[in-house]
Amino acid sequence: MTPTQLRAARALLNWSRKDLRQVSGISAETIQNIENGKCNPMPATLDKLMRSFADHGVKFIGDRQMQGVVMISRALRKPSHRSLRNKAEKR
């Protein structure tokens, strides 16, 4: 996952960093640092982020030459606080 892919994935879902933090458990500061290329995230962090997006219909595609994100679900909406809370309680 590149910084650009992370920003694009959030944009597809119309999520703020706070929304992603609530779903993934990754701090908004860490998300910002990844998006700005200020840190090289641990594999476990990337896994949590990718799983969070996959659970909401976003898939990361590509290889070293071509990278992107695609929406595989029609739900282009912000998650409700209830759904975010339920998701966090399940983890």
PDB file of N, CA and C in Angstrom:
ATOM      1  N   MET A   1       0.846  -1.169   0.000  1.00  0.00           N
ATOM      2  CA  MET A   1       0.000   0.000   0.000  1.00  0.00           C
ATOM      3  C   MET A   1       0.894   1.235   0.000  1.00  0.00           C
ATOM      4  N   THR A   2       0.658   2.102  -0.970  1.00  0.00           N
ATOM      5  CA  THR A   2       1.413   3.346  -1.057  1.00  0.00           C
ATOM      6  C   THR A   2       0.645   4.462  -0.343  1.00  0.00           C
ATOM      7  N   PRO A   3       1.314   5.565  -0.040  1.00  0.00           N
ATOM      8  CA  PRO A   3       0.593   6.696   0.545  1.00  0.00           C
ATOM      9  C   PRO A   3      -0.568   7.159  -0.338  1.00  0.00           C
ATOM     10  N   THR A   4      -0.354   7.178  -1.642  1.00  0.00           N
ATOM     11  CA  THR A   4      -1.409   7.598  -2.566  1.00  0.00           C
ATOM     12  C   THR A   4      -2.587   6.641  -2.530  1.00  0.00           C
ATOM     13  N   GLN A   5      -2.308   5.341  -2.466  1.00  0.00           N
ATOM     14  CA  GLN A   5      -3.393   4.358  -2.380  1.00  0.00           C
ATOM     15  C   GLN A   5      -4.188   4.526  -1.093  1.00  0.00           C
ATOM     16  N   LEU A   6      -3.498   4.802  -0.005  1.00  0.00           N
ATOM     17  CA  LEU A   6      -4.189   4.982   1.266  1.00  0.00           C
ATOM     18  C   LEU A   6      -5.121   6.190   1.205  1.00  0.00           C
ATOM     19  N   ARG A   7      -4.633   7.297   0.670  1.00  0.00           N
ATOM     20  CA  ARG A   7      -5.490   8.492   0.533  1.00  0.00           C
ATOM     21  C   ARG A   7      -6.661   8.206  -0.399  1.00  0.00           C
ATOM     22  N   ALA A   8      -6.407   7.501  -1.494  1.00  0.00           N
ATOM     23  CA  ALA A   8      -7.464   7.187  -2.456  1.00  0.00           C
ATOM     24  C   ALA A   8      -8.520   6.267  -1.849  1.00  0.00           C
ATOM     25  N   ALA A   9      -8.088   5.304  -1.080  1.00  0.00           N
ATOM     26  CA  ALA A   9      -9.029   4.383  -0.434  1.00  0.00           C
ATOM     27  C   ALA A   9      -9.937   5.133   0.535  1.00  0.00           C
ATOM     28  N   ARG A  10      -9.351   6.045   1.309  1.00  0.00           N
ATOM     29  CA  ARG A  10     -10.181   6.848   2.220  1.00  0.00           C
ATOM     30  C   ARG A  10     -11.167   7.691   1.430  1.00  0.00           C
ATOM     31  N   ALA A  11     -10.701   8.251   0.312  1.00  0.00           N
ATOM     32  CA  ALA A  11     -11.568   9.095  -0.515  1.00  0.00           C
ATOM     33  C   ALA A  11     -12.731   8.297  -1.105  1.00  0.00           C
ATOM     34  N   LEU A  12     -12.474   7.057  -1.530  1.00  0.00           N
ATOM     35  CA  LEU A  12     -13.545   6.227  -2.078  1.00  0.00           C
ATOM     36  C   LEU A  12     -14.680   6.031  -1.079  1.00  0.00           C
ATOM     37  N   LEU A  13     -14.321   5.925   0.183  1.00  0.00           N
ATOM     38  CA  LEU A  13     -15.318   5.709   1.230  1.00  0.00           C
ATOM     39  C   LEU A  13     -15.769   7.004   1.900  1.00  0.00           C
ATOM     40  N   ASN A  14     -15.168   8.122   1.471  1.00  0.00           N
ATOM     41  CA  ASN A  14     -15.467   9.426   2.071  1.00  0.00           C
ATOM     42  C   ASN A  14     -15.177   9.399   3.575  1.00  0.00           C
ATOM     43  N   TRP A  15     -14.067   8.759   3.939  1.00  0.00           N
ATOM     44  CA  TRP A  15     -13.665   8.627   5.337  1.00  0.00           C
ATOM     45  C   TRP A  15     -12.631   9.675   5.711  1.00  0.00           C
ATOM     46  N   SER A  16     -12.765  10.209   6.893  1.00  0.00           N
ATOM     47  CA  SER A  16     -11.719  11.039   7.478  1.00  0.00           C
ATOM     48  C   SER A  16     -10.683  10.102   8.104  1.00  0.00           C
ATOM     49  N   ARG A  17      -9.587  10.668   8.549  1.00  0.00           N
ATOM     50  CA  ARG A  17      -8.610   9.841   9.273  1.00  0.00           C
ATOM     51  C   ARG A  17      -9.225   9.311  10.562  1.00  0.00           C
ATOM     52  N   LYS A  18     -10.087  10.116  11.170  1.00  0.00           N
ATOM     53  CA  LYS A  18     -10.763   9.686  12.401  1.00  0.00           C
ATOM     54  C   LYS A  18     -11.649   8.468  12.120  1.00  0.00           C
ATOM     55  N   ASP A  19     -12.368   8.480  10.987  1.00  0.00           N
ATOM     56  CA  ASP A  19     -13.202   7.329  10.624  1.00  0.00           C
ATOM     57  C   ASP A  19     -12.346   6.075  10.477  1.00  0.00           C
ATOM     58  N   LEU A  20     -11.225   6.208   9.771  1.00  0.00           N
ATOM     59  CA  LEU A  20     -10.339   5.061   9.571  1.00  0.00           C
ATOM     60  C   LEU A  20      -9.749   4.599  10.898  1.00  0.00           C
ATOM     61  N   ARG A  21      -9.413   5.536  11.763  1.00  0.00           N
ATOM     62  CA  ARG A  21      -8.907   5.179  13.093  1.00  0.00           C
ATOM     63  C   ARG A  21      -9.928   4.335  13.850  1.00  0.00           C
ATOM     64  N   GLN A  22     -11.195   4.734  13.782  1.00  0.00           N
ATOM     65  CA  GLN A  22     -12.232   4.003  14.502  1.00  0.00           C
ATOM     66  C   GLN A  22     -12.412   2.589  13.973  1.00  0.00           C
ATOM     67  N   VAL A  23     -12.271   2.413  12.680  1.00  0.00           N
ATOM     68  CA  VAL A  23     -12.452   1.091  12.082  1.00  0.00           C
ATOM     69  C   VAL A  23     -11.226   0.205  12.269  1.00  0.00           C
ATOM     70  N   SER A  24     -10.038   0.797  12.097  1.00  0.00           N
ATOM     71  CA  SER A  24      -8.808  -0.004  12.075  1.00  0.00           C
ATOM     72  C   SER A  24      -8.098  -0.115  13.421  1.00  0.00           C
ATOM     73  N   GLY A  25      -8.304   0.855  14.288  1.00  0.00           N
ATOM     74  CA  GLY A  25      -7.559   0.880  15.538  1.00  0.00           C
ATOM     75  C   GLY A  25      -6.181   1.501  15.395  1.00  0.00           C
ATOM     76  N   ILE A  26      -5.857   2.012  14.208  1.00  0.00           N
ATOM     77  CA  ILE A  26      -4.582   2.678  13.958  1.00  0.00           C
ATOM     78  C   ILE A  26      -4.776   4.171  14.235  1.00  0.00           C
ATOM     79  N   SER A  27      -3.849   4.785  14.941  1.00  0.00           N
ATOM     80  CA  SER A  27      -4.019   6.192  15.313  1.00  0.00           C
ATOM     81  C   SER A  27      -4.073   7.089  14.073  1.00  0.00           C
ATOM     82  N   ALA A  28      -4.799   8.193  14.200  1.00  0.00           N
ATOM     83  CA  ALA A  28      -4.905   9.161  13.111  1.00  0.00           C
ATOM     84  C   ALA A  28      -3.535   9.741  12.773  1.00  0.00           C
ATOM     85  N   GLU A  29      -2.686   9.898  13.777  1.00  0.00           N
ATOM     86  CA  GLU A  29      -1.336  10.418  13.549  1.00  0.00           C
ATOM     87  C   GLU A  29      -0.514   9.444  12.697  1.00  0.00           C
ATOM     88  N   THR A  30      -0.626   8.154  12.995  1.00  0.00           N
ATOM     89  CA  THR A  30       0.084   7.152  12.192  1.00  0.00           C
ATOM     90  C   THR A  30      -0.443   7.135  10.773  1.00  0.00           C
ATOM     91  N   ILE A  31      -1.756   7.211  10.619  1.00  0.00           N
ATOM     92  CA  ILE A  31      -2.355   7.249   9.279  1.00  0.00           C
ATOM     93  C   ILE A  31      -1.828   8.454   8.505  1.00  0.00           C
ATOM     94  N   GLN A  32      -1.787   9.607   9.155  1.00  0.00           N
ATOM     95  CA  GLN A  32      -1.279  10.818   8.509  1.00  0.00           C
ATOM     96  C   GLN A  32       0.192  10.646   8.114  1.00  0.00           C
ATOM     97  N   ASN A  33       0.987  10.074   9.008  1.00  0.00           N
ATOM     98  CA  ASN A  33       2.407   9.861   8.695  1.00  0.00           C
ATOM     99  C   ASN A  33       2.593   8.916   7.517  1.00  0.00           C
ATOM    100  N   ILE A  34       1.778   7.879   7.435  1.00  0.00           N
ATOM    101  CA  ILE A  34       1.855   6.956   6.295  1.00  0.00           C
ATOM    102  C   ILE A  34       1.467   7.692   5.020  1.00  0.00           C
ATOM    103  N   GLU A  35       0.374   8.438   5.074  1.00  0.00           N
ATOM    104  CA  GLU A  35      -0.097   9.170   3.887  1.00  0.00           C
ATOM    105  C   GLU A  35       0.909  10.210   3.402  1.00  0.00           C
ATOM    106  N   ASN A  36       1.661  10.773   4.320  1.00  0.00           N
ATOM    107  CA  ASN A  36       2.656  11.785   3.949  1.00  0.00           C
ATOM    108  C   ASN A  36       4.040  11.200   3.685  1.00  0.00           C
ATOM    109  N   GLY A  37       4.148   9.860   3.754  1.00  0.00           N
ATOM    110  CA  GLY A  37       5.416   9.200   3.485  1.00  0.00           C
ATOM    111  C   GLY A  37       6.469   9.435   4.547  1.00  0.00           C
ATOM    112  N   LYS A  38       6.027   9.790   5.759  1.00  0.00           N
ATOM    113  CA  LYS A  38       6.967  10.078   6.845  1.00  0.00           C
ATOM    114  C   LYS A  38       7.400   8.844   7.615  1.00  0.00           C
ATOM    115  N   CYS A  39       6.736   7.708   7.378  1.00  0.00           N
ATOM    116  CA  CYS A  39       7.136   6.489   8.081  1.00  0.00           C
ATOM    117  C   CYS A  39       6.927   5.284   7.170  1.00  0.00           C
ATOM    118  N   ASN A  40       7.627   4.241   7.494  1.00  0.00           N
ATOM    119  CA  ASN A  40       7.481   2.975   6.790  1.00  0.00           C
ATOM    120  C   ASN A  40       6.704   2.051   7.737  1.00  0.00           C
ATOM    121  N   PRO A  41       5.409   1.852   7.503  1.00  0.00           N
ATOM    122  CA  PRO A  41       4.582   1.119   8.466  1.00  0.00           C
ATOM    123  C   PRO A  41       4.968  -0.347   8.599  1.00  0.00           C
ATOM    124  N   MET A  42       4.741  -0.860   9.782  1.00  0.00           N
ATOM    125  CA  MET A  42       4.971  -2.268  10.071  1.00  0.00           C
ATOM    126  C   MET A  42       3.968  -3.110   9.266  1.00  0.00           C
ATOM    127  N   PRO A  43       4.323  -4.339   8.901  1.00  0.00           N
ATOM    128  CA  PRO A  43       3.387  -5.203   8.176  1.00  0.00           C
ATOM    129  C   PRO A  43       2.052  -5.387   8.904  1.00  0.00           C
ATOM    130  N   ALA A  44       2.069  -5.481  10.220  1.00  0.00           N
ATOM    131  CA  ALA A  44       0.816  -5.652  10.973  1.00  0.00           C
ATOM    132  C   ALA A  44      -0.083  -4.428  10.835  1.00  0.00           C
ATOM    133  N   THR A  45       0.511  -3.242  10.770  1.00  0.00           N
ATOM    134  CA  THR A  45      -0.265  -2.006  10.589  1.00  0.00           C
ATOM    135  C   THR A  45      -0.915  -1.998   9.217  1.00  0.00           C
ATOM    136  N   LEU A  46      -0.136  -2.339   8.199  1.00  0.00           N
ATOM    137  CA  LEU A  46      -0.682  -2.394   6.835  1.00  0.00           C
ATOM    138  C   LEU A  46      -1.794  -3.430   6.732  1.00  0.00           C
ATOM    139  N   ASP A  47      -1.608  -4.557   7.396  1.00  0.00           N
ATOM    140  CA  ASP A  47      -2.622  -5.609   7.375  1.00  0.00           C
ATOM    141  C   ASP A  47      -3.932  -5.110   7.982  1.00  0.00           C
ATOM    142  N   LYS A  48      -3.855  -4.413   9.106  1.00  0.00           N
ATOM    143  CA  LYS A  48      -5.063  -3.868   9.742  1.00  0.00           C
ATOM    144  C   LYS A  48      -5.762  -2.873   8.826  1.00  0.00           C
ATOM    145  N   LEU A  49      -4.974  -2.007   8.200  1.00  0.00           N
ATOM    146  CA  LEU A  49      -5.562  -1.016   7.300  1.00  0.00           C
ATOM    147  C   LEU A  49      -6.222  -1.697   6.099  1.00  0.00           C
ATOM    148  N   MET A  50      -5.517  -2.632   5.477  1.00  0.00           N
ATOM    149  CA  MET A  50      -6.060  -3.306   4.295  1.00  0.00           C
ATOM    150  C   MET A  50      -7.317  -4.109   4.649  1.00  0.00           C
ATOM    151  N   ARG A  51      -7.312  -4.764   5.796  1.00  0.00           N
ATOM    152  CA  ARG A  51      -8.481  -5.518   6.240  1.00  0.00           C
ATOM    153  C   ARG A  51      -9.674  -4.589   6.483  1.00  0.00           C
ATOM    154  N   SER A  52      -9.389  -3.436   7.079  1.00  0.00           N
ATOM    155  CA  SER A  52     -10.455  -2.465   7.343  1.00  0.00           C
ATOM    156  C   SER A  52     -11.103  -1.994   6.043  1.00  0.00           C
ATOM    157  N   PHE A  53     -10.281  -1.708   5.046  1.00  0.00           N
ATOM    158  CA  PHE A  53     -10.831  -1.290   3.755  1.00  0.00           C
ATOM    159  C   PHE A  53     -11.554  -2.449   3.065  1.00  0.00           C
ATOM    160  N   ALA A  54     -10.972  -3.627   3.085  1.00  0.00           N
ATOM    161  CA  ALA A  54     -11.592  -4.791   2.440  1.00  0.00           C
ATOM    162  C   ALA A  54     -12.965  -5.076   3.034  1.00  0.00           C
ATOM    163  N   ASP A  55     -13.096  -4.906   4.350  1.00  0.00           N
ATOM    164  CA  ASP A  55     -14.382  -5.130   5.011  1.00  0.00           C
ATOM    165  C   ASP A  55     -15.446  -4.146   4.546  1.00  0.00           C
ATOM    166  N   HIS A  56     -15.015  -3.045   3.919  1.00  0.00           N
ATOM    167  CA  HIS A  56     -15.950  -2.028   3.440  1.00  0.00           C
ATOM    168  C   HIS A  56     -15.940  -1.918   1.915  1.00  0.00           C
ATOM    169  N   GLY A  57     -15.436  -2.958   1.238  1.00  0.00           N
ATOM    170  CA  GLY A  57     -15.550  -3.039  -0.212  1.00  0.00           C
ATOM    171  C   GLY A  57     -14.448  -2.407  -1.020  1.00  0.00           C
ATOM    172  N   VAL A  58     -13.327  -2.070  -0.414  1.00  0.00           N
ATOM    173  CA  VAL A  58     -12.219  -1.458  -1.150  1.00  0.00           C
ATOM    174  C   VAL A  58     -11.072  -2.453  -1.241  1.00  0.00           C
ATOM    175  N   LYS A  59     -10.566  -2.625  -2.459  1.00  0.00           N
ATOM    176  CA  LYS A  59      -9.478  -3.570  -2.709  1.00  0.00           C
ATOM    177  C   LYS A  59      -8.284  -2.830  -3.303  1.00  0.00           C
ATOM    178  N   PHE A  60      -7.098  -3.198  -2.847  1.00  0.00           N
ATOM    179  CA  PHE A  60      -5.860  -2.623  -3.367  1.00  0.00           C
ATOM    180  C   PHE A  60      -5.364  -3.524  -4.489  1.00  0.00           C
ATOM    181  N   ILE A  61      -4.984  -2.907  -5.608  1.00  0.00           N
ATOM    182  CA  ILE A  61      -4.556  -3.681  -6.774  1.00  0.00           C
ATOM    183  C   ILE A  61      -3.200  -3.177  -7.256  1.00  0.00           C
ATOM    184  N   GLY A  62      -2.566  -4.000  -8.070  1.00  0.00           N
ATOM    185  CA  GLY A  62      -1.370  -3.567  -8.757  1.00  0.00           C
ATOM    186  C   GLY A  62      -0.105  -4.252  -8.321  1.00  0.00           C
ATOM    187  N   ASP A  63       0.963  -3.802  -8.955  1.00  0.00           N
ATOM    188  CA  ASP A  63       2.302  -4.293  -8.659  1.00  0.00           C
ATOM    189  C   ASP A  63       3.222  -3.078  -8.596  1.00  0.00           C
ATOM    190  N   ARG A  64       4.502  -3.277  -8.716  1.00  0.00           N
ATOM    191  CA  ARG A  64       5.436  -2.149  -8.591  1.00  0.00           C
ATOM    192  C   ARG A  64       5.280  -1.119  -9.701  1.00  0.00           C
ATOM    193  N   GLN A  65       4.796  -1.531 -10.857  1.00  0.00           N
ATOM    194  CA  GLN A  65       4.677  -0.614 -11.987  1.00  0.00           C
ATOM    195  C   GLN A  65       3.324   0.090 -12.055  1.00  0.00           C
ATOM    196  N   MET A  66       2.297  -0.560 -11.560  1.00  0.00           N
ATOM    197  CA  MET A  66       0.964   0.041 -11.633  1.00  0.00           C
ATOM    198  C   MET A  66       0.207  -0.293 -10.348  1.00  0.00           C
ATOM    199  N   GLN A  67      -0.254   0.734  -9.671  1.00  0.00           N
ATOM    200  CA  GLN A  67      -0.940   0.531  -8.397  1.00  0.00           C
ATOM    201  C   GLN A  67      -2.223   1.341  -8.373  1.00  0.00           C
ATOM    202  N   GLY A  68      -3.207   0.837  -7.619  1.00  0.00           N
ATOM    203  CA  GLY A  68      -4.451   1.568  -7.495  1.00  0.00           C
ATOM    204  C   GLY A  68      -5.341   0.951  -6.436  1.00  0.00           C
ATOM    205  N   VAL A  69      -6.542   1.478  -6.361  1.00  0.00           N
ATOM    206  CA  VAL A  69      -7.572   0.946  -5.473  1.00  0.00           C
ATOM    207  C   VAL A  69      -8.867   0.887  -6.251  1.00  0.00           C
ATOM    208  N   VAL A  70      -9.698  -0.095  -5.926  1.00  0.00           N
ATOM    209  CA  VAL A  70     -10.995  -0.213  -6.581  1.00  0.00           C
ATOM    210  C   VAL A  70     -12.069  -0.446  -5.530  1.00  0.00           C
ATOM    211  N   MET A  71     -13.267   0.017  -5.853  1.00  0.00           N
ATOM    212  CA  MET A  71     -14.414  -0.218  -4.998  1.00  0.00           C
ATOM    213  C   MET A  71     -15.128  -1.445  -5.542  1.00  0.00           C
ATOM    214  N   ILE A  72     -15.295  -2.455  -4.696  1.00  0.00           N
ATOM    215  CA  ILE A  72     -15.970  -3.664  -5.146  1.00  0.00           C
ATOM    216  C   ILE A  72     -17.360  -3.790  -4.536  1.00  0.00           C
ATOM    217  N   SER A  73     -17.807  -2.714  -3.914  1.00  0.00           N
ATOM    218  CA  SER A  73     -19.154  -2.669  -3.356  1.00  0.00           C
ATOM    219  C   SER A  73     -19.767  -1.336  -3.732  1.00  0.00           C
ATOM    220  N   ARG A  74     -21.055  -1.243  -3.677  1.00  0.00           N
ATOM    221  CA  ARG A  74     -21.742  -0.010  -4.065  1.00  0.00           C
ATOM    222  C   ARG A  74     -21.932   0.951  -2.913  1.00  0.00           C
ATOM    223  N   ALA A  75     -21.534   0.586  -1.731  1.00  0.00           N
ATOM    224  CA  ALA A  75     -21.778   1.409  -0.540  1.00  0.00           C
ATOM    225  C   ALA A  75     -20.742   2.520  -0.440  1.00  0.00           C
ATOM    226  N   LEU A  76     -21.043   3.676  -1.013  1.00  0.00           N
ATOM    227  CA  LEU A  76     -20.145   4.824  -0.953  1.00  0.00           C
ATOM    228  C   LEU A  76     -20.643   5.786   0.125  1.00  0.00           C
ATOM    229  N   ARG A  77     -20.565   5.366   1.351  1.00  0.00           N
ATOM    230  CA  ARG A  77     -21.074   6.212   2.419  1.00  0.00           C
ATOM    231  C   ARG A  77     -20.163   6.119   3.625  1.00  0.00           C
ATOM    232  N   LYS A  78     -20.261   7.130   4.442  1.00  0.00           N
ATOM    233  CA  LYS A  78     -19.502   7.109   5.689  1.00  0.00           C
ATOM    234  C   LYS A  78     -20.105   6.069   6.614  1.00  0.00           C
ATOM    235  N   PRO A  79     -19.272   5.381   7.362  1.00  0.00           N
ATOM    236  CA  PRO A  79     -19.818   4.426   8.325  1.00  0.00           C
ATOM    237  C   PRO A  79     -20.492   5.169   9.467  1.00  0.00           C
ATOM    238  N   SER A  80     -21.560   4.608   9.962  1.00  0.00           N
ATOM    239  CA  SER A  80     -22.212   5.216  11.115  1.00  0.00           C
ATOM    240  C   SER A  80     -21.365   4.944  12.344  1.00  0.00           C
ATOM    241  N   HIS A  81     -21.525   5.776  13.349  1.00  0.00           N
ATOM    242  CA  HIS A  81     -20.776   5.555  14.587  1.00  0.00           C
ATOM    243  C   HIS A  81     -21.165   4.222  15.205  1.00  0.00           C
ATOM    244  N   ARG A  82     -22.397   3.817  15.034  1.00  0.00           N
ATOM    245  CA  ARG A  82     -22.843   2.521  15.568  1.00  0.00           C
ATOM    246  C   ARG A  82     -22.109   1.388  14.866  1.00  0.00           C
ATOM    247  N   SER A  83     -22.002   1.436  13.539  1.00  0.00           N
ATOM    248  CA  SER A  83     -21.316   0.350  12.833  1.00  0.00           C
ATOM    249  C   SER A  83     -19.833   0.340  13.175  1.00  0.00           C
ATOM    250  N   LEU A  84     -19.250   1.522  13.371  1.00  0.00           N
ATOM    251  CA  LEU A  84     -17.840   1.581  13.763  1.00  0.00           C
ATOM    252  C   LEU A  84     -17.649   0.991  15.148  1.00  0.00           C
ATOM    253  N   ARG A  85     -18.552   1.323  16.064  1.00  0.00           N
ATOM    254  CA  ARG A  85     -18.450   0.808  17.429  1.00  0.00           C
ATOM    255  C   ARG A  85     -18.630  -0.702  17.432  1.00  0.00           C
ATOM    256  N   ASN A  86     -19.610  -1.207  16.682  1.00  0.00           N
ATOM    257  CA  ASN A  86     -19.837  -2.658  16.607  1.00  0.00           C
ATOM    258  C   ASN A  86     -18.611  -3.357  16.033  1.00  0.00           C
ATOM    259  N   LYS A  87     -17.996  -2.765  15.034  1.00  0.00           N
ATOM    260  CA  LYS A  87     -16.820  -3.345  14.400  1.00  0.00           C
ATOM    261  C   LYS A  87     -15.670  -3.412  15.407  1.00  0.00           C
ATOM    262  N   ALA A  88     -15.479  -2.339  16.161  1.00  0.00           N
ATOM    263  CA  ALA A  88     -14.386  -2.296  17.132  1.00  0.00           C
ATOM    264  C   ALA A  88     -14.613  -3.316  18.249  1.00  0.00           C
ATOM    265  N   GLU A  89     -15.871  -3.522  18.643  1.00  0.00           N
ATOM    266  CA  GLU A  89     -16.169  -4.461  19.716  1.00  0.00           C
ATOM    267  C   GLU A  89     -15.916  -5.912  19.302  1.00  0.00           C
ATOM    268  N   LYS A  90     -16.014  -6.200  18.017  1.00  0.00           N
ATOM    269  CA  LYS A  90     -15.816  -7.549  17.508  1.00  0.00           C
ATOM    270  C   LYS A  90     -14.345  -7.934  17.476  1.00  0.00           C
ATOM    271  N   ARG A  91     -13.453  -6.951  17.479  1.00  0.00           N
ATOM    272  CA  ARG A  91     -12.005  -7.229  17.358  1.00  0.00           C
ATOM    273  C   ARG A  91     -11.400  -7.592  18.656  1.00  0.00           C
TER     274      ARG A  91
END
